[in-house]
């Protein structure tokens, strides 16, 4: 009983403190570790490319040696393939077999370090399919804050985390409404954004008058198009910039957003797995890769790293430097990029396609969270696919796993989550034995057959 009361009190205390968090500078909130790491990022950023590459090789040597002696999966992999952990060159390193999402799902515990490290078990989702679990050092989360703060400040020198920021992403206001102001943050629900209430979103933005807006480009572009089509004179006197992440930012989206809001966008490319990070509009319009964060390769179909060649397309393969609880070495992200010809930049990154359902009111609803209904029963579902042929109606095909039975309570939970996320769409669940893959061997998680939906 006491434990339950304590939990309730802790939760209430968290709710009370939430508005204050955004007003505390990160250098105080995260302490000396954050401040020292921020300085390291800055020192590395100002090195010559040759010096950066030299330090990168040292980081690779350290993480590979650590993985061999502390991670069962890598010891088995290296021994089986007669690979030495003593990496001398980048070419030596690029002989290590790739790590894929399927390998991680099948070898989660073997990929975890035997060393006792404070870490969290993370579930990543999105439009890429079944949720994937992995372990992440707690300190890596502070590293991430430092990297983002550093580059957002490079983009706009007036940026500080204590500034007023409006957030239009996958966040759901805890008050159950469309908007929630918490100190210097305003959460705006992207799920509730509809054609008929765009004016309300504009009014809330003008009233909050943020310094920055953090967005899914697919959401803010809807508002931007509305502003331009209706010749709205937007009154956001404090607005200095827009931060975009988690989706591919299309050129058409950038154009309408920057025209409507009259500020530049800084797009962040990264993953929950914390193996690669890049920001555009830092040095020119290309994406600046941080070589202190990890090692990035752009691989073609023959497995050749094209990163130092101009305007070549390949898959992003990344290696994390900082996550010792579960090192990701030569991890295939599934994303593609166009090279710039330089080791520390990319011309374009794509692959994280923004897809939509169409609800009964003909509104476009983001597909981004469509994996969430499966989070509680991920071991019981082998694959799934949404197919939409009619407005407001959608078929959901599910392949049950052979490992554990999908029970009635699981199906009930899936339906409840679908209703919560997509209240204006009716889902018809069908169980099938197989879902066909594409010619490239991938699943299509949404087949959208409604034409002219853009």
Protein backbone atom coordinates (compact mmCIF):
# COMPACT_ATOMS: atom_id res chain seq x y z
CA UNK A 1 0.00 0.00 0.00
CA UNK A 2 2.79 2.37 0.97
CA UNK A 3 4.58 1.62 -2.30
CA UNK A 4 1.48 2.53 -4.34
CA UNK A 5 1.06 5.79 -2.42
CA UNK A 6 4.74 6.61 -2.91
CA UNK A 7 4.44 6.01 -6.65
CA UNK A 8 1.38 8.27 -6.87
CA UNK A 9 3.18 11.01 -4.93
CA UNK A 10 6.25 10.73 -7.15
CA UNK A 11 4.08 10.98 -10.26
CA UNK A 12 2.27 14.04 -8.90
CA UNK A 13 5.62 15.63 -8.03
CA UNK A 14 6.87 14.99 -11.56
CA UNK A 15 3.77 16.68 -12.98
CA UNK A 16 4.34 19.70 -10.74
CA UNK A 17 8.00 19.99 -11.72
CA UNK A 18 7.53 19.47 -15.49
CA UNK A 19 6.86 23.17 -16.25
CA UNK A 20 10.08 24.14 -14.44
CA UNK A 21 12.41 21.74 -16.28
CA UNK A 22 12.55 23.76 -19.52
CA UNK A 23 13.61 26.85 -17.55
CA UNK A 24 16.76 25.20 -16.18
CA UNK A 25 19.87 25.56 -18.42
CA UNK A 26 21.17 22.15 -19.51
CA UNK A 27 24.65 23.01 -18.25
CA UNK A 28 23.12 23.13 -14.74
CA UNK A 29 20.55 20.38 -15.17
CA UNK A 30 23.11 17.81 -16.40
CA UNK A 31 26.10 19.17 -14.49
CA UNK A 32 29.83 18.85 -15.01
CA UNK A 33 29.64 15.81 -17.30
CA UNK A 34 27.50 17.74 -19.80
CA UNK A 35 29.74 20.83 -19.65
CA UNK A 36 32.94 18.82 -20.21
CA UNK A 37 31.41 16.79 -23.04
CA UNK A 38 30.11 19.96 -24.73
CA UNK A 39 33.69 21.31 -24.70
CA UNK A 40 34.95 18.06 -26.24
CA UNK A 41 32.41 18.39 -29.07
CA UNK A 42 33.58 21.95 -29.71
CA UNK A 43 37.27 21.02 -29.64
CA UNK A 44 36.69 18.19 -32.11
CA UNK A 45 34.54 20.34 -34.41
CA UNK A 46 37.40 22.82 -34.85
CA UNK A 47 40.00 20.20 -35.84
CA UNK A 48 41.18 19.67 -39.42
CA UNK A 49 39.59 16.74 -41.27
CA UNK A 50 42.84 14.75 -41.15
CA UNK A 51 42.96 15.10 -37.36
CA UNK A 52 39.29 14.11 -37.08
CA UNK A 53 39.87 10.98 -39.15
CA UNK A 54 42.87 10.03 -37.04
CA UNK A 55 40.82 10.33 -33.85
CA UNK A 56 37.97 8.43 -35.47
CA UNK A 57 40.25 5.47 -36.13
CA UNK A 58 41.30 5.49 -32.48
CA UNK A 59 37.65 5.51 -31.41
CA UNK A 60 36.96 2.58 -33.75
CA UNK A 61 39.91 0.64 -32.32
CA UNK A 62 38.65 1.28 -28.79
CA UNK A 63 35.04 0.26 -29.39
CA UNK A 64 35.96 -2.86 -31.40
CA UNK A 65 38.40 -4.04 -28.72
CA UNK A 66 35.81 -3.35 -26.03
CA UNK A 67 33.12 -5.23 -27.96
CA UNK A 68 35.34 -8.27 -28.49
CA UNK A 69 36.17 -8.66 -24.80
CA UNK A 70 32.80 -7.64 -23.33
CA UNK A 71 30.03 -8.51 -25.81
CA UNK A 72 29.37 -12.24 -26.46
CA UNK A 73 27.88 -11.65 -29.92
CA UNK A 74 31.00 -9.91 -31.23
CA UNK A 75 33.44 -12.41 -29.75
CA UNK A 76 31.55 -15.21 -31.50
CA UNK A 77 31.32 -13.21 -34.74
CA UNK A 78 35.02 -12.33 -34.82
CA UNK A 79 36.18 -15.83 -33.91
CA UNK A 80 33.84 -17.47 -36.42
CA UNK A 81 35.00 -15.20 -39.26
CA UNK A 82 38.66 -15.16 -38.19
CA UNK A 83 38.61 -11.37 -37.69
CA UNK A 84 41.13 -9.72 -35.37
CA UNK A 85 39.92 -7.11 -32.93
CA UNK A 86 43.25 -5.32 -33.53
CA UNK A 87 42.03 -2.86 -36.15
CA UNK A 88 44.86 -1.01 -37.89
CA UNK A 89 43.07 0.74 -40.76
CA UNK A 90 39.60 1.76 -41.88
CA UNK A 91 39.80 -1.04 -44.46
CA UNK A 92 40.37 -3.56 -41.65
CA UNK A 93 37.30 -2.23 -39.90
CA UNK A 94 35.10 -2.43 -42.99
CA UNK A 95 35.70 -6.20 -43.22
CA UNK A 96 33.50 -6.72 -40.13
CA UNK A 97 30.07 -8.14 -41.16
CA UNK A 98 27.09 -5.80 -40.99
CA UNK A 99 24.72 -5.63 -38.03
CA UNK A 100 21.02 -5.58 -39.01
CA UNK A 101 17.77 -4.99 -37.18
CA UNK A 102 16.88 -8.67 -37.52
CA UNK A 103 20.21 -9.68 -35.95
CA UNK A 104 19.53 -7.33 -33.04
CA UNK A 105 16.03 -8.75 -32.51
CA UNK A 106 17.36 -12.31 -32.52
CA UNK A 107 20.48 -11.65 -30.37
CA UNK A 108 19.44 -8.86 -27.99
CA UNK A 109 20.95 -10.28 -24.80
CA UNK A 110 24.09 -11.55 -26.55
CA UNK A 111 24.65 -8.02 -27.87
CA UNK A 112 24.57 -6.59 -24.35
CA UNK A 113 27.87 -5.93 -22.60
CA UNK A 114 28.74 -8.21 -19.67
CA UNK A 115 30.09 -5.12 -17.89
CA UNK A 116 27.68 -3.55 -15.43
CA UNK A 117 26.72 -0.22 -16.96
CA UNK A 118 23.80 2.01 -16.05
CA UNK A 119 21.53 1.71 -19.06
CA UNK A 120 17.93 1.71 -20.24
CA UNK A 121 16.10 -0.76 -22.43
CA UNK A 122 14.75 1.27 -25.34
CA UNK A 123 12.04 0.42 -27.85
CA UNK A 124 12.29 2.12 -31.21
CA UNK A 125 9.49 2.25 -33.74
CA UNK A 126 8.23 4.55 -36.46
CA UNK A 127 7.39 3.53 -40.00
CA UNK A 128 10.12 0.88 -40.20
CA UNK A 129 8.01 -2.03 -38.97
CA UNK A 130 8.05 -4.18 -35.83
CA UNK A 131 9.43 -2.43 -32.75
CA UNK A 132 13.08 -3.16 -31.96
CA UNK A 133 14.57 -3.20 -28.48
CA UNK A 134 18.14 -2.28 -27.58
CA UNK A 135 20.16 -1.08 -24.58
CA UNK A 136 21.41 2.49 -24.24
CA UNK A 137 23.84 3.92 -21.69
CA UNK A 138 22.26 6.60 -19.51
CA UNK A 139 25.24 8.88 -20.20
CA UNK A 140 24.64 8.57 -23.95
CA UNK A 141 21.33 10.37 -23.45
CA UNK A 142 23.25 13.32 -21.93
CA UNK A 143 25.71 13.15 -24.84
CA UNK A 144 22.76 13.47 -27.22
CA UNK A 145 21.50 16.59 -25.47
CA UNK A 146 24.98 18.12 -25.71
CA UNK A 147 25.31 17.34 -29.45
CA UNK A 148 21.85 18.80 -30.24
CA UNK A 149 22.45 21.91 -28.11
CA UNK A 150 25.83 22.45 -29.75
CA UNK A 151 24.57 22.27 -33.34
CA UNK A 152 21.36 24.17 -32.74
CA UNK A 153 23.56 26.92 -31.29
CA UNK A 154 25.76 26.72 -34.40
CA UNK A 155 22.63 27.15 -36.51
CA UNK A 156 21.46 30.14 -34.46
CA UNK A 157 23.86 31.67 -31.95
CA UNK A 158 20.98 32.91 -29.75
CA UNK A 159 19.71 29.36 -29.11
CA UNK A 160 19.54 28.11 -25.53
CA UNK A 161 17.38 25.28 -24.20
CA UNK A 162 15.66 27.79 -21.89
CA UNK A 163 14.16 29.66 -24.86
CA UNK A 164 10.45 29.30 -25.70
CA UNK A 165 9.93 26.33 -28.01
CA UNK A 166 6.67 25.14 -29.60
CA UNK A 167 6.69 21.39 -30.35
CA UNK A 168 4.61 19.92 -33.19
CA UNK A 169 5.73 16.30 -33.37
CA UNK A 170 4.50 12.95 -32.03
CA UNK A 171 4.06 14.30 -28.50
CA UNK A 172 0.59 13.92 -27.03
CA UNK A 173 -0.44 16.59 -24.47
CA UNK A 174 -0.88 14.97 -21.04
CA UNK A 175 -4.03 17.03 -20.44
CA UNK A 176 -5.86 15.15 -23.21
CA UNK A 177 -6.31 18.33 -25.26
CA UNK A 178 -4.73 19.60 -28.48
CA UNK A 179 -2.34 21.96 -26.69
CA UNK A 180 -0.43 22.03 -23.42
CA UNK A 181 1.93 24.73 -22.15
CA UNK A 182 4.64 23.52 -19.78
CA UNK A 183 6.92 26.38 -18.76
CA UNK A 184 8.85 27.42 -21.87
CA UNK A 185 7.41 24.60 -23.99
CA UNK A 186 4.10 24.31 -25.80
CA UNK A 187 3.12 20.80 -26.90
CA UNK A 188 0.89 20.79 -29.98
CA UNK A 189 -0.71 17.48 -30.96
CA UNK A 190 0.06 16.48 -34.55
CA UNK A 191 -2.65 13.80 -34.26
CA UNK A 192 -5.37 16.41 -33.69
CA UNK A 193 -4.25 18.66 -36.54
CA UNK A 194 -7.13 18.71 -39.04
CA UNK A 195 -8.12 20.88 -41.99
CA UNK A 196 -10.93 22.48 -40.00
CA UNK A 197 -8.82 23.48 -36.96
CA UNK A 198 -5.62 24.86 -38.54
CA UNK A 199 -6.68 28.39 -37.57
CA UNK A 200 -6.71 27.31 -33.93
CA UNK A 201 -3.11 26.06 -34.22
CA UNK A 202 -2.04 29.37 -35.77
CA UNK A 203 -3.76 31.34 -32.99
CA UNK A 204 -2.07 29.24 -30.29
CA UNK A 205 1.33 29.71 -31.95
CA UNK A 206 0.87 33.48 -32.14
CA UNK A 207 -0.25 33.66 -28.52
CA UNK A 208 2.69 31.54 -27.28
CA UNK A 209 5.08 33.48 -29.58
CA UNK A 210 7.97 30.98 -29.50
CA UNK A 211 11.65 31.58 -30.20
CA UNK A 212 11.83 28.25 -32.06
CA UNK A 213 9.51 25.52 -33.34
CA UNK A 214 10.51 21.83 -33.23
CA UNK A 215 8.60 19.88 -35.85
CA UNK A 216 7.70 16.93 -37.95
CA UNK A 217 7.93 18.60 -41.40
CA UNK A 218 4.84 16.73 -42.58
CA UNK A 219 2.80 18.42 -39.84
CA UNK A 220 4.06 21.99 -40.08
CA UNK A 221 3.91 21.93 -43.89
CA UNK A 222 0.12 21.47 -43.60
CA UNK A 223 -0.08 24.70 -41.56
CA UNK A 224 2.41 26.46 -43.86
CA UNK A 225 0.39 25.65 -46.97
CA UNK A 226 -2.75 26.97 -45.26
CA UNK A 227 -0.95 30.22 -44.34
CA UNK A 228 0.23 30.79 -47.92
CA UNK A 229 -3.06 29.81 -49.56
CA UNK A 230 -4.99 32.21 -47.32
CA UNK A 231 -2.42 35.04 -47.35
CA UNK A 232 -2.21 35.03 -43.56
CA UNK A 233 0.16 37.59 -42.06
CA UNK A 234 1.73 35.47 -39.32
CA UNK A 235 2.67 37.41 -36.18
CA UNK A 236 5.62 35.58 -34.59
CA UNK A 237 8.00 38.41 -33.71
CA UNK A 238 10.34 36.28 -31.59
CA UNK A 239 10.73 33.35 -34.04
CA UNK A 240 14.39 32.78 -34.94
CA UNK A 241 14.40 29.31 -36.50
CA UNK A 242 12.70 25.95 -36.96
CA UNK A 243 14.17 22.58 -35.98
CA UNK A 244 13.09 19.58 -38.02
CA UNK A 245 13.77 15.90 -37.28
CA UNK A 246 12.48 12.28 -37.41
CA UNK A 247 11.23 12.51 -41.01
CA UNK A 248 12.79 13.19 -44.39
CA UNK A 249 12.48 16.92 -45.02
CA UNK A 250 11.39 17.29 -48.65
CA UNK A 251 12.52 20.30 -50.68
CA UNK A 252 8.86 21.23 -51.28
CA UNK A 253 8.19 21.16 -47.52
CA UNK A 254 11.25 23.29 -46.75
CA UNK A 255 10.19 25.84 -49.36
CA UNK A 256 6.62 26.36 -48.09
CA UNK A 257 7.60 26.31 -44.39
CA UNK A 258 10.42 28.84 -44.79
CA UNK A 259 8.21 31.05 -46.97
CA UNK A 260 5.27 30.95 -44.55
CA UNK A 261 7.26 31.36 -41.32
CA UNK A 262 10.04 33.57 -42.78
CA UNK A 263 12.89 31.77 -40.97
CA UNK A 264 15.33 29.02 -41.91
CA UNK A 265 15.01 25.34 -40.98
CA UNK A 266 17.77 23.25 -39.40
CA UNK A 267 17.08 19.59 -40.13
CA UNK A 268 18.50 16.92 -37.82
CA UNK A 269 19.17 13.41 -39.06
CA UNK A 270 19.65 10.76 -36.39
CA UNK A 271 18.26 7.62 -34.77
CA UNK A 272 17.12 6.39 -31.38
CA UNK A 273 20.05 3.95 -31.65
CA UNK A 274 22.49 6.90 -31.38
CA UNK A 275 24.97 5.76 -34.04
CA UNK A 276 24.88 8.68 -36.50
CA UNK A 277 23.93 12.34 -36.37
CA UNK A 278 23.94 15.13 -38.96
CA UNK A 279 22.54 18.66 -39.22
CA UNK A 280 21.98 20.82 -42.29
CA UNK A 281 22.40 24.59 -42.60
CA UNK A 282 25.45 24.52 -40.30
CA UNK A 283 28.14 24.91 -42.97
CA UNK A 284 26.25 25.63 -46.18
CA UNK A 285 23.15 23.63 -47.12
CA UNK A 286 24.69 20.14 -46.90
CA UNK A 287 24.29 17.88 -43.86
CA UNK A 288 27.24 18.18 -41.49
CA UNK A 289 28.15 14.74 -40.10
CA UNK A 290 29.64 14.79 -36.62
CA UNK A 291 32.64 12.44 -36.77
CA UNK A 292 33.01 12.54 -32.96
CA UNK A 293 29.54 10.97 -32.63
CA UNK A 294 30.24 7.84 -34.68
CA UNK A 295 31.64 6.42 -37.91
CA UNK A 296 29.44 6.65 -41.00
CA UNK A 297 29.72 4.71 -44.25
CA UNK A 298 27.62 5.05 -47.40
CA UNK A 299 27.49 1.55 -48.88
CA UNK A 300 26.46 0.56 -52.41
CA UNK A 301 24.99 -2.80 -53.43
CA UNK A 302 28.49 -4.28 -53.76
CA UNK A 303 29.38 -3.29 -50.19
CA UNK A 304 31.79 -0.51 -51.22
CA UNK A 305 32.00 2.60 -49.03
CA UNK A 306 31.31 5.60 -51.29
CA UNK A 307 31.43 8.37 -48.69
CA UNK A 308 34.41 10.23 -50.19
CA UNK A 309 33.01 10.09 -53.75
CA UNK A 310 30.77 12.82 -55.18
CA UNK A 311 27.01 12.41 -55.62
CA UNK A 312 26.80 8.65 -55.09
CA UNK A 313 23.73 6.98 -53.57
CA UNK A 314 24.07 4.29 -50.93
CA UNK A 315 22.78 2.99 -47.61
CA UNK A 316 23.80 4.66 -44.36
CA UNK A 317 25.84 2.22 -42.24
CA UNK A 318 26.77 3.57 -38.80
CA UNK A 319 28.95 2.68 -35.83
CA UNK A 320 28.31 4.15 -32.40
CA UNK A 321 31.30 5.35 -30.34
CA UNK A 322 29.68 6.00 -26.99
CA UNK A 323 27.16 3.26 -26.18
CA UNK A 324 29.15 0.57 -24.37
CA UNK A 325 26.13 -1.27 -22.95
CA UNK A 326 25.32 -2.38 -26.53
CA UNK A 327 27.84 -1.27 -29.16
CA UNK A 328 26.39 -1.05 -32.66
CA UNK A 329 29.19 -1.87 -35.13
CA UNK A 330 28.52 -1.40 -38.86
CA UNK A 331 24.79 -1.10 -38.26
CA UNK A 332 22.63 -0.98 -41.41
CA UNK A 333 20.13 1.82 -40.78
CA UNK A 334 17.92 1.19 -43.82
CA UNK A 335 18.22 4.87 -44.81
CA UNK A 336 19.85 6.12 -48.00
CA UNK A 337 21.96 9.18 -48.67
CA UNK A 338 23.70 11.06 -51.47
CA UNK A 339 27.37 11.72 -50.84
CA UNK A 340 29.01 15.14 -51.06
CA UNK A 341 32.53 13.83 -51.69
CA UNK A 342 33.61 14.67 -48.14
CA UNK A 343 33.92 12.44 -45.08
CA UNK A 344 32.18 14.97 -42.83
CA UNK A 345 29.11 15.87 -44.89
CA UNK A 346 26.28 14.44 -46.99
CA UNK A 347 24.43 16.18 -49.82
CA UNK A 348 21.04 14.66 -49.05
CA UNK A 349 19.53 12.03 -46.74
CA UNK A 350 16.33 10.22 -47.57
CA UNK A 351 14.49 7.01 -46.84
CA UNK A 352 12.41 8.03 -43.82
CA UNK A 353 9.31 8.56 -45.93
CA UNK A 354 6.35 10.36 -44.36
CA UNK A 355 3.20 8.33 -44.98
CA UNK A 356 -0.42 8.98 -44.13
CA UNK A 357 -3.76 7.39 -43.40
CA UNK A 358 -6.82 9.27 -44.68
CA UNK A 359 -9.51 9.52 -42.00
CA UNK A 360 -13.31 9.69 -42.51
CA UNK A 361 -13.09 13.51 -42.72
CA UNK A 362 -10.48 13.26 -45.53
CA UNK A 363 -7.72 14.50 -43.21
CA UNK A 364 -4.18 13.17 -43.66
CA UNK A 365 -3.12 11.43 -40.43
CA UNK A 366 0.55 10.56 -39.86
CA UNK A 367 1.49 6.88 -40.10
CA UNK A 368 4.52 7.43 -37.81
CA UNK A 369 3.04 5.83 -34.66
CA UNK A 370 1.27 2.93 -36.39
CA UNK A 371 3.61 0.42 -34.74
CA UNK A 372 2.61 1.46 -31.19
CA UNK A 373 -0.40 -0.92 -30.96
CA UNK A 374 2.11 -3.81 -31.13
CA UNK A 375 4.54 -2.63 -28.45
CA UNK A 376 2.94 -4.69 -25.67
CA UNK A 377 2.78 -7.89 -27.77
CA UNK A 378 5.76 -7.52 -30.11
CA UNK A 379 7.01 -11.08 -29.41
CA UNK A 380 3.61 -12.43 -30.49
CA UNK A 381 3.46 -10.70 -33.88
CA UNK A 382 5.79 -11.67 -36.71
CA UNK A 383 4.68 -9.03 -39.21
CA UNK A 384 1.89 -6.61 -40.04
CA UNK A 385 0.66 -4.49 -42.92
CA UNK A 386 -1.93 -1.72 -43.22
CA UNK A 387 -3.89 -1.45 -46.48
CA UNK A 388 -6.17 1.51 -47.11
CA UNK A 389 -8.56 1.40 -50.06
CA UNK A 390 -11.34 3.68 -48.76
CA UNK A 391 -11.44 6.95 -46.87
CA UNK A 392 -11.84 6.31 -43.13
CA UNK A 393 -11.47 2.53 -43.54
CA UNK A 394 -8.31 0.45 -43.23
CA UNK A 395 -7.44 -3.22 -43.31
CA UNK A 396 -4.77 -4.47 -40.90
CA UNK A 397 -3.10 -7.76 -41.78
CA UNK A 398 -1.29 -9.54 -38.93
CA UNK A 399 0.97 -12.58 -39.06
CA UNK A 400 1.04 -14.30 -35.67
CA UNK A 401 4.37 -15.41 -34.27
CA UNK A 402 5.11 -19.09 -33.67
CA UNK A 403 6.94 -18.24 -30.44
CA UNK A 404 4.04 -17.06 -28.28
CA UNK A 405 0.25 -17.13 -28.81
CA UNK A 406 -1.57 -13.88 -29.54
CA UNK A 407 -4.34 -13.86 -26.95
CA UNK A 408 -7.74 -12.22 -26.90
CA UNK A 409 -6.50 -9.56 -24.46
CA UNK A 410 -3.71 -8.70 -26.93
CA UNK A 411 -6.16 -8.17 -29.76
CA UNK A 412 -8.30 -6.04 -27.45
CA UNK A 413 -5.27 -3.91 -26.57
CA UNK A 414 -4.35 -3.51 -30.28
CA UNK A 415 -7.89 -2.30 -31.05
CA UNK A 416 -7.88 0.12 -28.11
CA UNK A 417 -4.53 1.60 -29.17
CA UNK A 418 -5.73 1.98 -32.76
CA UNK A 419 -8.83 3.80 -31.49
CA UNK A 420 -6.70 6.05 -29.28
CA UNK A 421 -4.27 6.96 -32.05
CA UNK A 422 -6.72 7.07 -34.97
CA UNK A 423 -10.25 7.77 -33.64
CA UNK A 424 -11.65 8.63 -37.08
CA UNK A 425 -10.52 5.47 -38.87
CA UNK A 426 -12.20 2.05 -38.72
CA UNK A 427 -9.73 -0.85 -38.72
CA UNK A 428 -10.59 -4.36 -39.86
CA UNK A 429 -8.05 -6.88 -38.48
CA UNK A 430 -7.33 -9.93 -40.61
CA UNK A 431 -4.95 -12.73 -39.62
CA UNK A 432 -2.85 -14.13 -42.46
CA UNK A 433 -0.05 -16.68 -42.78
CA UNK A 434 2.23 -14.50 -44.87
CA UNK A 435 2.76 -10.92 -46.03
CA UNK A 436 4.48 -10.50 -49.38
CA UNK A 437 7.74 -8.60 -49.48
CA UNK A 438 8.85 -6.13 -52.15
CA UNK A 439 11.30 -7.07 -54.92
CA UNK A 440 14.08 -5.85 -52.60
CA UNK A 441 12.96 -8.19 -49.84
CA UNK A 442 11.39 -5.52 -47.63
CA UNK A 443 7.94 -5.25 -46.10
CA UNK A 444 5.65 -2.38 -47.06
CA UNK A 445 3.99 -1.47 -43.78
CA UNK A 446 1.41 0.80 -45.40
CA UNK A 447 -0.14 0.30 -48.82
CA UNK A 448 -2.04 3.51 -49.52
CA UNK A 449 -4.39 3.00 -52.47
CA UNK A 450 -6.33 6.25 -52.17
CA UNK A 451 -5.24 8.39 -55.09
CA UNK A 452 -4.70 12.17 -55.18
CA UNK A 453 -4.23 12.20 -51.41
CA UNK A 454 -1.59 14.93 -51.60
